[in-house]
């Protein structure tokens, strides 16, 4: 009896984490417009310092990566200046 490849194809289509990792959105804050990209816990492999609270974001912690969407120095500079935030710290930021 021949083997079915159907299960592998379904798994590739239903890779939910890969689909959710690309949820880039734009938010308006008091100081301008920001790109906000969620980072899943499984994709977070390095430690970062949250600019909101000054505490460490340890590996395997879901968080947000943010950078200016309206910077005057250009997109490359804005992306190079991106920061990693705890989700709560970003939410309470004005």
PDB file of N, CA and C in Angstrom:
ATOM      1  N   UNK A   1       0.840  -1.176   0.000  1.00  0.00           N
ATOM      2  CA  UNK A   1       0.000   0.000   0.000  1.00  0.00           C
ATOM      3  C   UNK A   1       0.897   1.256   0.000  1.00  0.00           C
ATOM      4  N   UNK A   2       0.657   2.248  -0.866  1.00  0.00           N
ATOM      5  CA  UNK A   2       1.497   3.438  -0.946  1.00  0.00           C
ATOM      6  C   UNK A   2       1.320   4.328   0.288  1.00  0.00           C
ATOM      7  N   UNK A   3       2.404   5.031   0.621  1.00  0.00           N
ATOM      8  CA  UNK A   3       2.362   5.962   1.747  1.00  0.00           C
ATOM      9  C   UNK A   3       1.689   7.266   1.326  1.00  0.00           C
ATOM     10  N   UNK A   4       1.018   7.877   2.260  1.00  0.00           N
ATOM     11  CA  UNK A   4       0.360   9.153   1.998  1.00  0.00           C
ATOM     12  C   UNK A   4       1.221  10.301   2.522  1.00  0.00           C
ATOM     13  N   UNK A   5       1.359  11.330   1.728  1.00  0.00           N
ATOM     14  CA  UNK A   5       2.096  12.519   2.153  1.00  0.00           C
ATOM     15  C   UNK A   5       1.167  13.589   2.709  1.00  0.00           C
ATOM     16  N   UNK A   6      -0.070  13.268   2.839  1.00  0.00           N
ATOM     17  CA  UNK A   6      -1.062  14.248   3.243  1.00  0.00           C
ATOM     18  C   UNK A   6      -0.759  14.862   4.607  1.00  0.00           C
ATOM     19  N   UNK A   7      -0.366  14.081   5.561  1.00  0.00           N
ATOM     20  CA  UNK A   7      -0.107  14.597   6.908  1.00  0.00           C
ATOM     21  C   UNK A   7       1.002  15.653   6.892  1.00  0.00           C
ATOM     22  N   UNK A   8       2.079  15.423   6.184  1.00  0.00           N
ATOM     23  CA  UNK A   8       3.159  16.404   6.105  1.00  0.00           C
ATOM     24  C   UNK A   8       2.679  17.707   5.466  1.00  0.00           C
ATOM     25  N   UNK A   9       1.872  17.619   4.439  1.00  0.00           N
ATOM     26  CA  UNK A   9       1.365  18.824   3.779  1.00  0.00           C
ATOM     27  C   UNK A   9       0.468  19.607   4.730  1.00  0.00           C
ATOM     28  N   UNK A  10      -0.366  18.922   5.496  1.00  0.00           N
ATOM     29  CA  UNK A  10      -1.252  19.601   6.434  1.00  0.00           C
ATOM     30  C   UNK A  10      -0.451  20.294   7.527  1.00  0.00           C
ATOM     31  N   UNK A  11       0.598  19.656   8.014  1.00  0.00           N
ATOM     32  CA  UNK A  11       1.421  20.264   9.052  1.00  0.00           C
ATOM     33  C   UNK A  11       2.091  21.528   8.532  1.00  0.00           C
ATOM     34  N   UNK A  12       2.564  21.514   7.329  1.00  0.00           N
ATOM     35  CA  UNK A  12       3.210  22.697   6.772  1.00  0.00           C
ATOM     36  C   UNK A  12       2.221  23.852   6.654  1.00  0.00           C
ATOM     37  N   UNK A  13       0.986  23.564   6.277  1.00  0.00           N
ATOM     38  CA  UNK A  13      -0.025  24.606   6.131  1.00  0.00           C
ATOM     39  C   UNK A  13      -0.494  25.138   7.473  1.00  0.00           C
ATOM     40  N   UNK A  14      -0.470  24.313   8.502  1.00  0.00           N
ATOM     41  CA  UNK A  14      -1.011  24.700   9.795  1.00  0.00           C
ATOM     42  C   UNK A  14       0.056  25.107  10.809  1.00  0.00           C
ATOM     43  N   UNK A  15       1.200  25.532  10.363  1.00  0.00           N
ATOM     44  CA  UNK A  15       2.246  25.961  11.275  1.00  0.00           C
ATOM     45  C   UNK A  15       1.843  27.313  11.848  1.00  0.00           C
ATOM     46  N   UNK A  16       1.042  27.269  12.889  1.00  0.00           N
ATOM     47  CA  UNK A  16       0.435  28.461  13.465  1.00  0.00           C
ATOM     48  C   UNK A  16       1.469  29.443  13.990  1.00  0.00           C
ATOM     49  N   UNK A  17       2.490  28.948  14.642  1.00  0.00           N
ATOM     50  CA  UNK A  17       3.490  29.849  15.196  1.00  0.00           C
ATOM     51  C   UNK A  17       4.172  30.667  14.105  1.00  0.00           C
ATOM     52  N   UNK A  18       4.482  30.042  12.991  1.00  0.00           N
ATOM     53  CA  UNK A  18       5.099  30.779  11.888  1.00  0.00           C
ATOM     54  C   UNK A  18       4.156  31.836  11.350  1.00  0.00           C
ATOM     55  N   UNK A  19       2.886  31.512  11.286  1.00  0.00           N
ATOM     56  CA  UNK A  19       1.906  32.478  10.781  1.00  0.00           C
ATOM     57  C   UNK A  19       1.743  33.655  11.743  1.00  0.00           C
ATOM     58  N   UNK A  20       1.730  33.384  13.047  1.00  0.00           N
ATOM     59  CA  UNK A  20       1.537  34.446  14.025  1.00  0.00           C
ATOM     60  C   UNK A  20       2.773  35.312  14.209  1.00  0.00           C
ATOM     61  N   UNK A  21       3.940  34.796  13.905  1.00  0.00           N
ATOM     62  CA  UNK A  21       5.179  35.549  14.094  1.00  0.00           C
ATOM     63  C   UNK A  21       5.248  36.775  13.195  1.00  0.00           C
ATOM     64  N   UNK A  22       4.494  36.810  12.127  1.00  0.00           N
ATOM     65  CA  UNK A  22       4.560  37.918  11.193  1.00  0.00           C
ATOM     66  C   UNK A  22       3.488  38.962  11.381  1.00  0.00           C
ATOM     67  N   UNK A  23       2.932  39.110  12.572  1.00  0.00           N
ATOM     68  CA  UNK A  23       1.842  40.052  12.813  1.00  0.00           C
ATOM     69  C   UNK A  23       2.346  41.463  13.078  1.00  0.00           C
ATOM     70  N   UNK A  24       3.010  42.041  12.143  1.00  0.00           N
ATOM     71  CA  UNK A  24       3.500  43.404  12.285  1.00  0.00           C
ATOM     72  C   UNK A  24       2.323  44.363  12.243  1.00  0.00           C
ATOM     73  N   UNK A  25       2.308  45.295  13.190  1.00  0.00           N
ATOM     74  CA  UNK A  25       1.242  46.302  13.209  1.00  0.00           C
ATOM     75  C   UNK A  25       1.863  47.664  13.479  1.00  0.00           C
ATOM     76  N   UNK A  26       1.093  48.692  13.265  1.00  0.00           N
ATOM     77  CA  UNK A  26       1.531  50.060  13.513  1.00  0.00           C
ATOM     78  C   UNK A  26       0.687  50.642  14.636  1.00  0.00           C
ATOM     79  N   UNK A  27       1.332  51.310  15.576  1.00  0.00           N
ATOM     80  CA  UNK A  27       0.635  51.946  16.692  1.00  0.00           C
ATOM     81  C   UNK A  27       1.049  53.404  16.793  1.00  0.00           C
ATOM     82  N   UNK A  28       0.102  54.244  17.149  1.00  0.00           N
ATOM     83  CA  UNK A  28       0.383  55.660  17.354  1.00  0.00           C
ATOM     84  C   UNK A  28       0.507  55.895  18.854  1.00  0.00           C
ATOM     85  N   UNK A  29       1.640  56.436  19.257  1.00  0.00           N
ATOM     86  CA  UNK A  29       1.883  56.806  20.649  1.00  0.00           C
ATOM     87  C   UNK A  29       2.067  58.317  20.708  1.00  0.00           C
ATOM     88  N   UNK A  30       2.201  58.841  21.900  1.00  0.00           N
ATOM     89  CA  UNK A  30       2.351  60.287  22.085  1.00  0.00           C
ATOM     90  C   UNK A  30       3.544  60.853  21.313  1.00  0.00           C
ATOM     91  N   UNK A  31       4.612  60.053  21.208  1.00  0.00           N
ATOM     92  CA  UNK A  31       5.829  60.548  20.561  1.00  0.00           C
ATOM     93  C   UNK A  31       5.971  60.132  19.101  1.00  0.00           C
ATOM     94  N   UNK A  32       4.932  59.574  18.497  1.00  0.00           N
ATOM     95  CA  UNK A  32       5.005  59.250  17.075  1.00  0.00           C
ATOM     96  C   UNK A  32       4.362  57.928  16.724  1.00  0.00           C
ATOM     97  N   UNK A  33       4.666  57.465  15.527  1.00  0.00           N
ATOM     98  CA  UNK A  33       4.104  56.222  14.995  1.00  0.00           C
ATOM     99  C   UNK A  33       5.175  55.137  15.104  1.00  0.00           C
ATOM    100  N   UNK A  34       4.783  53.954  15.570  1.00  0.00           N
ATOM    101  CA  UNK A  34       5.713  52.862  15.843  1.00  0.00           C
ATOM    102  C   UNK A  34       5.274  51.589  15.149  1.00  0.00           C
ATOM    103  N   UNK A  35       6.237  50.841  14.634  1.00  0.00           N
ATOM    104  CA  UNK A  35       6.005  49.476  14.168  1.00  0.00           C
ATOM    105  C   UNK A  35       6.149  48.573  15.385  1.00  0.00           C
ATOM    106  N   UNK A  36       5.223  47.633  15.542  1.00  0.00           N
ATOM    107  CA  UNK A  36       5.228  46.719  16.684  1.00  0.00           C
ATOM    108  C   UNK A  36       5.139  45.302  16.152  1.00  0.00           C
ATOM    109  N   UNK A  37       6.122  44.474  16.506  1.00  0.00           N
ATOM    110  CA  UNK A  37       6.195  43.089  16.038  1.00  0.00           C
ATOM    111  C   UNK A  37       6.236  42.164  17.257  1.00  0.00           C
ATOM    112  N   UNK A  38       5.210  41.342  17.456  1.00  0.00           N
ATOM    113  CA  UNK A  38       5.263  40.368  18.557  1.00  0.00           C
ATOM    114  C   UNK A  38       6.370  39.333  18.321  1.00  0.00           C
ATOM    115  N   UNK A  39       7.023  38.947  19.385  1.00  0.00           N
ATOM    116  CA  UNK A  39       8.069  37.922  19.347  1.00  0.00           C
ATOM    117  C   UNK A  39       7.574  36.763  20.209  1.00  0.00           C
ATOM    118  N   UNK A  40       7.434  35.585  19.627  1.00  0.00           N
ATOM    119  CA  UNK A  40       6.936  34.433  20.383  1.00  0.00           C
ATOM    120  C   UNK A  40       8.003  33.931  21.349  1.00  0.00           C
ATOM    121  N   UNK A  41       7.570  33.207  22.361  1.00  0.00           N
ATOM    122  CA  UNK A  41       8.504  32.672  23.357  1.00  0.00           C
ATOM    123  C   UNK A  41       9.506  31.719  22.719  1.00  0.00           C
ATOM    124  N   UNK A  42       9.065  30.920  21.772  1.00  0.00           N
ATOM    125  CA  UNK A  42       9.978  29.959  21.155  1.00  0.00           C
ATOM    126  C   UNK A  42      10.991  30.634  20.228  1.00  0.00           C
ATOM    127  N   UNK A  43      10.689  31.832  19.762  1.00  0.00           N
ATOM    128  CA  UNK A  43      11.620  32.563  18.897  1.00  0.00           C
ATOM    129  C   UNK A  43      12.569  33.463  19.679  1.00  0.00           C
ATOM    130  N   UNK A  44      12.270  33.685  20.948  1.00  0.00           N
ATOM    131  CA  UNK A  44      13.092  34.568  21.779  1.00  0.00           C
ATOM    132  C   UNK A  44      14.255  33.773  22.362  1.00  0.00           C
ATOM    133  N   UNK A  45      15.434  33.937  21.783  1.00  0.00           N
ATOM    134  CA  UNK A  45      16.582  33.125  22.192  1.00  0.00           C
ATOM    135  C   UNK A  45      17.685  33.944  22.868  1.00  0.00           C
ATOM    136  N   UNK A  46      17.535  35.264  22.945  1.00  0.00           N
ATOM    137  CA  UNK A  46      18.542  36.119  23.566  1.00  0.00           C
ATOM    138  C   UNK A  46      17.911  36.913  24.700  1.00  0.00           C
ATOM    139  N   UNK A  47      18.751  37.456  25.554  1.00  0.00           N
ATOM    140  CA  UNK A  47      18.294  38.347  26.623  1.00  0.00           C
ATOM    141  C   UNK A  47      18.326  39.790  26.131  1.00  0.00           C
ATOM    142  N   UNK A  48      17.375  40.587  26.581  1.00  0.00           N
ATOM    143  CA  UNK A  48      17.299  42.005  26.237  1.00  0.00           C
ATOM    144  C   UNK A  48      16.929  42.790  27.487  1.00  0.00           C
ATOM    145  N   UNK A  49      17.239  44.071  27.521  1.00  0.00           N
ATOM    146  CA  UNK A  49      16.784  44.942  28.589  1.00  0.00           C
ATOM    147  C   UNK A  49      15.592  45.736  28.088  1.00  0.00           C
ATOM    148  N   UNK A  50      14.515  45.690  28.822  1.00  0.00           N
ATOM    149  CA  UNK A  50      13.301  46.426  28.466  1.00  0.00           C
ATOM    150  C   UNK A  50      13.524  47.905  28.776  1.00  0.00           C
ATOM    151  N   UNK A  51      13.347  48.803  27.785  1.00  0.00           N
ATOM    152  CA  UNK A  51      13.524  50.227  28.058  1.00  0.00           C
ATOM    153  C   UNK A  51      12.417  50.809  28.930  1.00  0.00           C
ATOM    154  N   UNK A  52      11.323  50.091  29.095  1.00  0.00           N
ATOM    155  CA  UNK A  52      10.224  50.584  29.911  1.00  0.00           C
ATOM    156  C   UNK A  52      10.484  50.445  31.400  1.00  0.00           C
ATOM    157  N   UNK A  53      10.952  49.275  31.815  1.00  0.00           N
ATOM    158  CA  UNK A  53      11.151  49.016  33.241  1.00  0.00           C
ATOM    159  C   UNK A  53      12.614  48.809  33.617  1.00  0.00           C
ATOM    160  N   UNK A  54      13.475  48.628  32.610  1.00  0.00           N
ATOM    161  CA  UNK A  54      14.885  48.418  32.881  1.00  0.00           C
ATOM    162  C   UNK A  54      15.238  47.007  33.311  1.00  0.00           C
ATOM    163  N   UNK A  55      14.262  46.109  33.324  1.00  0.00           N
ATOM    164  CA  UNK A  55      14.506  44.732  33.717  1.00  0.00           C
ATOM    165  C   UNK A  55      14.795  43.873  32.500  1.00  0.00           C
ATOM    166  N   UNK A  56      15.390  42.722  32.748  1.00  0.00           N
ATOM    167  CA  UNK A  56      15.779  41.814  31.672  1.00  0.00           C
ATOM    168  C   UNK A  56      14.578  41.062  31.107  1.00  0.00           C
ATOM    169  N   UNK A  57      14.578  40.912  29.805  1.00  0.00           N
ATOM    170  CA  UNK A  57      13.645  40.011  29.129  1.00  0.00           C
ATOM    171  C   UNK A  57      14.453  38.750  28.862  1.00  0.00           C
ATOM    172  N   UNK A  58      14.168  37.699  29.593  1.00  0.00           N
ATOM    173  CA  UNK A  58      14.968  36.476  29.505  1.00  0.00           C
ATOM    174  C   UNK A  58      14.563  35.662  28.274  1.00  0.00           C
ATOM    175  N   UNK A  59      15.467  34.810  27.783  1.00  0.00           N
ATOM    176  CA  UNK A  59      15.109  33.939  26.649  1.00  0.00           C
ATOM    177  C   UNK A  59      13.850  33.126  26.961  1.00  0.00           C
ATOM    178  N   UNK A  60      13.117  32.793  25.919  1.00  0.00           N
ATOM    179  CA  UNK A  60      11.865  32.024  26.001  1.00  0.00           C
ATOM    180  C   UNK A  60      10.737  32.826  26.644  1.00  0.00           C
ATOM    181  N   UNK A  61      10.813  34.156  26.566  1.00  0.00           N
ATOM    182  CA  UNK A  61       9.749  35.021  27.053  1.00  0.00           C
ATOM    183  C   UNK A  61       9.144  35.766  25.869  1.00  0.00           C
ATOM    184  N   UNK A  62       7.854  35.639  25.685  1.00  0.00           N
ATOM    185  CA  UNK A  62       7.181  36.382  24.616  1.00  0.00           C
ATOM    186  C   UNK A  62       7.273  37.881  24.934  1.00  0.00           C
ATOM    187  N   UNK A  63       7.523  38.692  23.923  1.00  0.00           N
ATOM    188  CA  UNK A  63       7.654  40.131  24.107  1.00  0.00           C
ATOM    189  C   UNK A  63       7.402  40.839  22.780  1.00  0.00           C
ATOM    190  N   UNK A  64       7.614  42.146  22.746  1.00  0.00           N
ATOM    191  CA  UNK A  64       7.405  42.948  21.538  1.00  0.00           C
ATOM    192  C   UNK A  64       8.708  43.584  21.083  1.00  0.00           C
ATOM    193  N   UNK A  65       8.867  43.688  19.786  1.00  0.00           N
ATOM    194  CA  UNK A  65       9.986  44.421  19.198  1.00  0.00           C
ATOM    195  C   UNK A  65       9.381  45.644  18.518  1.00  0.00           C
ATOM    196  N   UNK A  66       9.915  46.821  18.832  1.00  0.00           N
ATOM    197  CA  UNK A  66       9.346  48.061  18.297  1.00  0.00           C
ATOM    198  C   UNK A  66      10.426  48.916  17.640  1.00  0.00           C
ATOM    199  N   UNK A  67      10.011  49.679  16.638  1.00  0.00           N
ATOM    200  CA  UNK A  67      10.887  50.661  15.996  1.00  0.00           C
ATOM    201  C   UNK A  67      10.023  51.720  15.343  1.00  0.00           C
ATOM    202  N   UNK A  68      10.626  52.900  15.136  1.00  0.00           N
ATOM    203  CA  UNK A  68       9.888  54.035  14.588  1.00  0.00           C
ATOM    204  C   UNK A  68       9.358  53.730  13.195  1.00  0.00           C
ATOM    205  N   UNK A  69       8.159  54.180  12.934  1.00  0.00           N
ATOM    206  CA  UNK A  69       7.577  54.056  11.598  1.00  0.00           C
ATOM    207  C   UNK A  69       7.609  55.404  10.888  1.00  0.00           C
ATOM    208  N   UNK A  70       7.928  56.455  11.628  1.00  0.00           N
ATOM    209  CA  UNK A  70       7.906  57.805  11.065  1.00  0.00           C
ATOM    210  C   UNK A  70       9.222  58.548  11.273  1.00  0.00           C
ATOM    211  N   UNK A  71      10.308  57.811  11.422  1.00  0.00           N
ATOM    212  CA  UNK A  71      11.610  58.443  11.661  1.00  0.00           C
ATOM    213  C   UNK A  71      12.077  59.259  10.459  1.00  0.00           C
ATOM    214  N   UNK A  72      12.840  60.301  10.735  1.00  0.00           N
ATOM    215  CA  UNK A  72      13.298  61.182   9.657  1.00  0.00           C
ATOM    216  C   UNK A  72      14.642  60.746   9.071  1.00  0.00           C
ATOM    217  N   UNK A  73      15.327  59.811   9.728  1.00  0.00           N
ATOM    218  CA  UNK A  73      16.648  59.384   9.268  1.00  0.00           C
ATOM    219  C   UNK A  73      16.589  58.213   8.288  1.00  0.00           C
ATOM    220  N   UNK A  74      15.417  57.696   8.026  1.00  0.00           N
ATOM    221  CA  UNK A  74      15.280  56.609   7.073  1.00  0.00           C
ATOM    222  C   UNK A  74      14.964  55.283   7.738  1.00  0.00           C
ATOM    223  N   UNK A  75      14.430  54.400   6.951  1.00  0.00           N
ATOM    224  CA  UNK A  75      13.969  53.104   7.444  1.00  0.00           C
ATOM    225  C   UNK A  75      15.099  52.255   8.011  1.00  0.00           C
ATOM    226  N   UNK A  76      16.265  52.286   7.390  1.00  0.00           N
ATOM    227  CA  UNK A  76      17.398  51.477   7.862  1.00  0.00           C
ATOM    228  C   UNK A  76      17.829  51.913   9.261  1.00  0.00           C
ATOM    229  N   UNK A  77      17.897  53.218   9.513  1.00  0.00           N
ATOM    230  CA  UNK A  77      18.256  53.708  10.842  1.00  0.00           C
ATOM    231  C   UNK A  77      17.183  53.371  11.869  1.00  0.00           C
ATOM    232  N   UNK A  78      15.921  53.500  11.478  1.00  0.00           N
ATOM    233  CA  UNK A  78      14.824  53.161  12.388  1.00  0.00           C
ATOM    234  C   UNK A  78      14.887  51.689  12.788  1.00  0.00           C
ATOM    235  N   UNK A  79      15.117  50.822  11.826  1.00  0.00           N
ATOM    236  CA  UNK A  79      15.194  49.389  12.104  1.00  0.00           C
ATOM    237  C   UNK A  79      16.405  49.061  12.973  1.00  0.00           C
ATOM    238  N   UNK A  80      17.516  49.731  12.753  1.00  0.00           N
ATOM    239  CA  UNK A  80      18.715  49.498  13.563  1.00  0.00           C
ATOM    240  C   UNK A  80      18.501  49.942  15.013  1.00  0.00           C
ATOM    241  N   UNK A  81      17.592  50.876  15.239  1.00  0.00           N
ATOM    242  CA  UNK A  81      17.322  51.388  16.583  1.00  0.00           C
ATOM    243  C   UNK A  81      16.151  50.672  17.263  1.00  0.00           C
ATOM    244  N   UNK A  82      15.754  49.520  16.770  1.00  0.00           N
ATOM    245  CA  UNK A  82      14.611  48.821  17.357  1.00  0.00           C
ATOM    246  C   UNK A  82      14.929  48.378  18.787  1.00  0.00           C
ATOM    247  N   UNK A  83      13.885  48.240  19.586  1.00  0.00           N
ATOM    248  CA  UNK A  83      14.021  47.863  20.986  1.00  0.00           C
ATOM    249  C   UNK A  83      13.042  46.747  21.328  1.00  0.00           C
ATOM    250  N   UNK A  84      13.411  45.960  22.321  1.00  0.00           N
ATOM    251  CA  UNK A  84      12.594  44.845  22.794  1.00  0.00           C
ATOM    252  C   UNK A  84      11.938  45.257  24.106  1.00  0.00           C
ATOM    253  N   UNK A  85      10.614  45.119  24.181  1.00  0.00           N
ATOM    254  CA  UNK A  85       9.823  45.547  25.331  1.00  0.00           C
ATOM    255  C   UNK A  85       9.031  44.376  25.903  1.00  0.00           C
ATOM    256  N   UNK A  86       8.844  44.386  27.235  1.00  0.00           N
ATOM    257  CA  UNK A  86       7.824  43.514  27.816  1.00  0.00           C
ATOM    258  C   UNK A  86       6.483  43.999  27.255  1.00  0.00           C
ATOM    259  N   UNK A  87       5.583  43.099  26.986  1.00  0.00           N
ATOM    260  CA  UNK A  87       4.281  43.488  26.423  1.00  0.00           C
ATOM    261  C   UNK A  87       3.553  44.472  27.340  1.00  0.00           C
ATOM    262  N   UNK A  88       3.586  44.217  28.636  1.00  0.00           N
ATOM    263  CA  UNK A  88       2.903  45.106  29.582  1.00  0.00           C
ATOM    264  C   UNK A  88       3.536  46.494  29.605  1.00  0.00           C
ATOM    265  N   UNK A  89       4.865  46.550  29.591  1.00  0.00           N
ATOM    266  CA  UNK A  89       5.552  47.852  29.614  1.00  0.00           C
ATOM    267  C   UNK A  89       5.184  48.679  28.388  1.00  0.00           C
ATOM    268  N   UNK A  90       5.106  48.027  27.225  1.00  0.00           N
ATOM    269  CA  UNK A  90       4.740  48.751  26.001  1.00  0.00           C
ATOM    270  C   UNK A  90       3.294  49.231  26.084  1.00  0.00           C
ATOM    271  N   UNK A  91       2.432  48.399  26.646  1.00  0.00           N
ATOM    272  CA  UNK A  91       1.001  48.753  26.736  1.00  0.00           C
ATOM    273  C   UNK A  91       0.773  49.975  27.617  1.00  0.00           C
ATOM    274  N   UNK A  92       1.496  50.101  28.727  1.00  0.00           N
ATOM    275  CA  UNK A  92       1.268  51.220  29.639  1.00  0.00           C
ATOM    276  C   UNK A  92       2.068  52.458  29.243  1.00  0.00           C
ATOM    277  N   UNK A  93       2.939  52.340  28.268  1.00  0.00           N
ATOM    278  CA  UNK A  93       3.716  53.477  27.783  1.00  0.00           C
ATOM    279  C   UNK A  93       2.777  54.476  27.122  1.00  0.00           C
ATOM    280  N   UNK A  94       2.959  55.730  27.404  1.00  0.00           N
ATOM    281  CA  UNK A  94       2.079  56.763  26.826  1.00  0.00           C
ATOM    282  C   UNK A  94       2.374  56.986  25.373  1.00  0.00           C
TER     283      UNK A  94
END
